[in-house]
Amino acid sequence: MNIKQESIHAIESLPDAANFEEIMYRLYVLEKVHNGQTAILNGNIKTLDELKREAANW
């Protein structure tokens, strides 16, 4: 399924009474999930130990 089809499916799965804010939020979440999946496929990930080291510096 391409991005347009995924977006249409996401919108169609909302209730008929959904407002623009709910639609935009659904598309926002869909984009973030897609970006995360792409990052994983491209190897742009961090190990748990790397994250712990970064968090320790906060």
N, C-alpha and C. Protein backbone atom coordinates (compact mmCIF):
# COMPACT_ATOMS: atom_id res chain seq x y z
N MET A 1 0.85 -1.18 0.00
CA MET A 1 0.00 0.00 0.00
C MET A 1 0.90 1.24 0.00
N ASN A 2 0.62 2.19 -0.88
CA ASN A 2 1.43 3.40 -0.91
C ASN A 2 0.92 4.42 0.13
N ILE A 3 1.64 5.51 0.27
CA ILE A 3 1.32 6.49 1.32
C ILE A 3 -0.08 7.08 1.12
N LYS A 4 -0.43 7.37 -0.12
CA LYS A 4 -1.76 7.94 -0.38
C LYS A 4 -2.85 6.95 0.03
N GLN A 5 -2.68 5.70 -0.33
CA GLN A 5 -3.67 4.68 0.03
C GLN A 5 -3.74 4.49 1.54
N GLU A 6 -2.58 4.51 2.21
CA GLU A 6 -2.56 4.38 3.66
C GLU A 6 -3.29 5.55 4.31
N SER A 7 -3.08 6.74 3.76
CA SER A 7 -3.73 7.93 4.31
C SER A 7 -5.24 7.86 4.14
N ILE A 8 -5.66 7.46 2.96
CA ILE A 8 -7.10 7.33 2.71
C ILE A 8 -7.71 6.29 3.64
N HIS A 9 -7.03 5.17 3.80
CA HIS A 9 -7.53 4.12 4.71
C HIS A 9 -7.62 4.64 6.14
N ALA A 10 -6.60 5.39 6.58
CA ALA A 10 -6.60 5.93 7.94
C ALA A 10 -7.77 6.88 8.15
N ILE A 11 -8.04 7.72 7.16
CA ILE A 11 -9.16 8.66 7.27
C ILE A 11 -10.49 7.92 7.24
N GLU A 12 -10.60 6.94 6.36
CA GLU A 12 -11.86 6.20 6.27
C GLU A 12 -12.16 5.39 7.52
N SER A 13 -11.13 5.05 8.28
CA SER A 13 -11.35 4.27 9.50
C SER A 13 -11.84 5.13 10.67
N LEU A 14 -11.77 6.44 10.50
CA LEU A 14 -12.29 7.35 11.54
C LEU A 14 -13.81 7.38 11.48
N PRO A 15 -14.44 7.73 12.60
CA PRO A 15 -15.90 7.87 12.58
C PRO A 15 -16.33 9.02 11.67
N ASP A 16 -17.53 8.96 11.15
CA ASP A 16 -18.04 10.01 10.25
C ASP A 16 -18.06 11.38 10.92
N ALA A 17 -18.15 11.41 12.22
CA ALA A 17 -18.21 12.68 12.94
C ALA A 17 -16.82 13.26 13.24
N ALA A 18 -15.76 12.65 12.72
CA ALA A 18 -14.40 13.13 13.00
C ALA A 18 -14.22 14.54 12.46
N ASN A 19 -13.50 15.34 13.22
CA ASN A 19 -13.25 16.71 12.78
C ASN A 19 -11.85 16.81 12.16
N PHE A 20 -11.50 18.00 11.65
CA PHE A 20 -10.21 18.18 10.99
C PHE A 20 -9.04 17.87 11.92
N GLU A 21 -9.18 18.25 13.18
CA GLU A 21 -8.10 18.02 14.14
C GLU A 21 -7.83 16.52 14.30
N GLU A 22 -8.88 15.73 14.40
CA GLU A 22 -8.72 14.28 14.52
C GLU A 22 -8.11 13.67 13.26
N ILE A 23 -8.53 14.17 12.12
CA ILE A 23 -7.98 13.68 10.85
C ILE A 23 -6.50 14.02 10.75
N MET A 24 -6.15 15.25 11.08
CA MET A 24 -4.75 15.68 11.00
C MET A 24 -3.88 14.91 11.99
N TYR A 25 -4.42 14.65 13.18
CA TYR A 25 -3.65 13.88 14.17
C TYR A 25 -3.42 12.47 13.66
N ARG A 26 -4.43 11.85 13.07
CA ARG A 26 -4.28 10.49 12.54
C ARG A 26 -3.20 10.47 11.46
N LEU A 27 -3.21 11.47 10.57
CA LEU A 27 -2.20 11.52 9.52
C LEU A 27 -0.81 11.80 10.09
N TYR A 28 -0.74 12.62 11.13
CA TYR A 28 0.53 12.92 11.80
C TYR A 28 1.12 11.64 12.39
N VAL A 29 0.31 10.86 13.07
CA VAL A 29 0.79 9.60 13.66
C VAL A 29 1.21 8.64 12.57
N LEU A 30 0.45 8.56 11.50
CA LEU A 30 0.80 7.70 10.38
C LEU A 30 2.16 8.09 9.80
N GLU A 31 2.40 9.39 9.66
CA GLU A 31 3.69 9.86 9.15
C GLU A 31 4.83 9.47 10.08
N LYS A 32 4.64 9.66 11.38
CA LYS A 32 5.69 9.33 12.34
C LYS A 32 6.00 7.84 12.32
N VAL A 33 4.98 6.99 12.23
CA VAL A 33 5.19 5.54 12.15
C VAL A 33 5.94 5.20 10.87
N HIS A 34 5.54 5.80 9.76
CA HIS A 34 6.21 5.56 8.48
C HIS A 34 7.67 5.98 8.56
N ASN A 35 7.94 7.15 9.13
CA ASN A 35 9.32 7.63 9.27
C ASN A 35 10.14 6.69 10.14
N GLY A 36 9.55 6.17 11.20
CA GLY A 36 10.25 5.22 12.06
C GLY A 36 10.56 3.92 11.35
N GLN A 37 9.61 3.42 10.58
CA GLN A 37 9.84 2.19 9.83
C GLN A 37 10.94 2.38 8.78
N THR A 38 10.94 3.54 8.13
CA THR A 38 11.97 3.85 7.14
C THR A 38 13.34 3.93 7.80
N ALA A 39 13.41 4.56 8.96
CA ALA A 39 14.68 4.66 9.68
C ALA A 39 15.21 3.29 10.04
N ILE A 40 14.34 2.41 10.48
CA ILE A 40 14.75 1.05 10.84
C ILE A 40 15.29 0.33 9.61
N LEU A 41 14.58 0.43 8.50
CA LEU A 41 15.02 -0.23 7.26
C LEU A 41 16.37 0.30 6.79
N ASN A 42 16.63 1.60 7.04
CA ASN A 42 17.89 2.21 6.63
C ASN A 42 19.00 2.03 7.66
N GLY A 43 18.69 1.36 8.76
CA GLY A 43 19.69 1.12 9.79
C GLY A 43 19.95 2.30 10.70
N ASN A 44 19.08 3.29 10.68
CA ASN A 44 19.24 4.48 11.53
C ASN A 44 18.60 4.22 12.88
N ILE A 45 19.21 3.36 13.65
CA ILE A 45 18.68 3.00 14.96
C ILE A 45 19.78 3.12 16.00
N LYS A 46 19.39 3.16 17.25
CA LYS A 46 20.34 3.20 18.35
C LYS A 46 20.03 2.03 19.27
N THR A 47 21.09 1.51 19.88
CA THR A 47 20.90 0.42 20.83
C THR A 47 20.41 1.00 22.15
N LEU A 48 19.93 0.13 23.01
CA LEU A 48 19.47 0.55 24.32
C LEU A 48 20.62 1.16 25.11
N ASP A 49 21.81 0.58 25.00
CA ASP A 49 22.97 1.13 25.71
C ASP A 49 23.30 2.54 25.22
N GLU A 50 23.19 2.79 23.92
CA GLU A 50 23.45 4.14 23.40
C GLU A 50 22.44 5.13 23.96
N LEU A 51 21.20 4.72 24.01
CA LEU A 51 20.16 5.60 24.56
C LEU A 51 20.37 5.88 26.04
N LYS A 52 20.79 4.86 26.77
CA LYS A 52 21.06 5.05 28.21
C LYS A 52 22.20 6.04 28.41
N ARG A 53 23.25 5.95 27.59
CA ARG A 53 24.39 6.88 27.70
C ARG A 53 23.92 8.30 27.39
N GLU A 54 23.09 8.46 26.36
CA GLU A 54 22.58 9.79 26.03
C GLU A 54 21.72 10.34 27.16
N ALA A 55 20.85 9.49 27.70
CA ALA A 55 19.96 9.94 28.77
C ALA A 55 20.75 10.33 30.03
N ALA A 56 21.85 9.67 30.27
CA ALA A 56 22.67 9.99 31.43
C ALA A 56 23.26 11.40 31.33
N ASN A 57 23.40 11.92 30.13
CA ASN A 57 23.98 13.25 29.93
C ASN A 57 22.94 14.37 29.99
N TRP A 58 21.68 14.03 30.17
CA TRP A 58 20.64 15.06 30.21
C TRP A 58 20.68 15.80 31.49
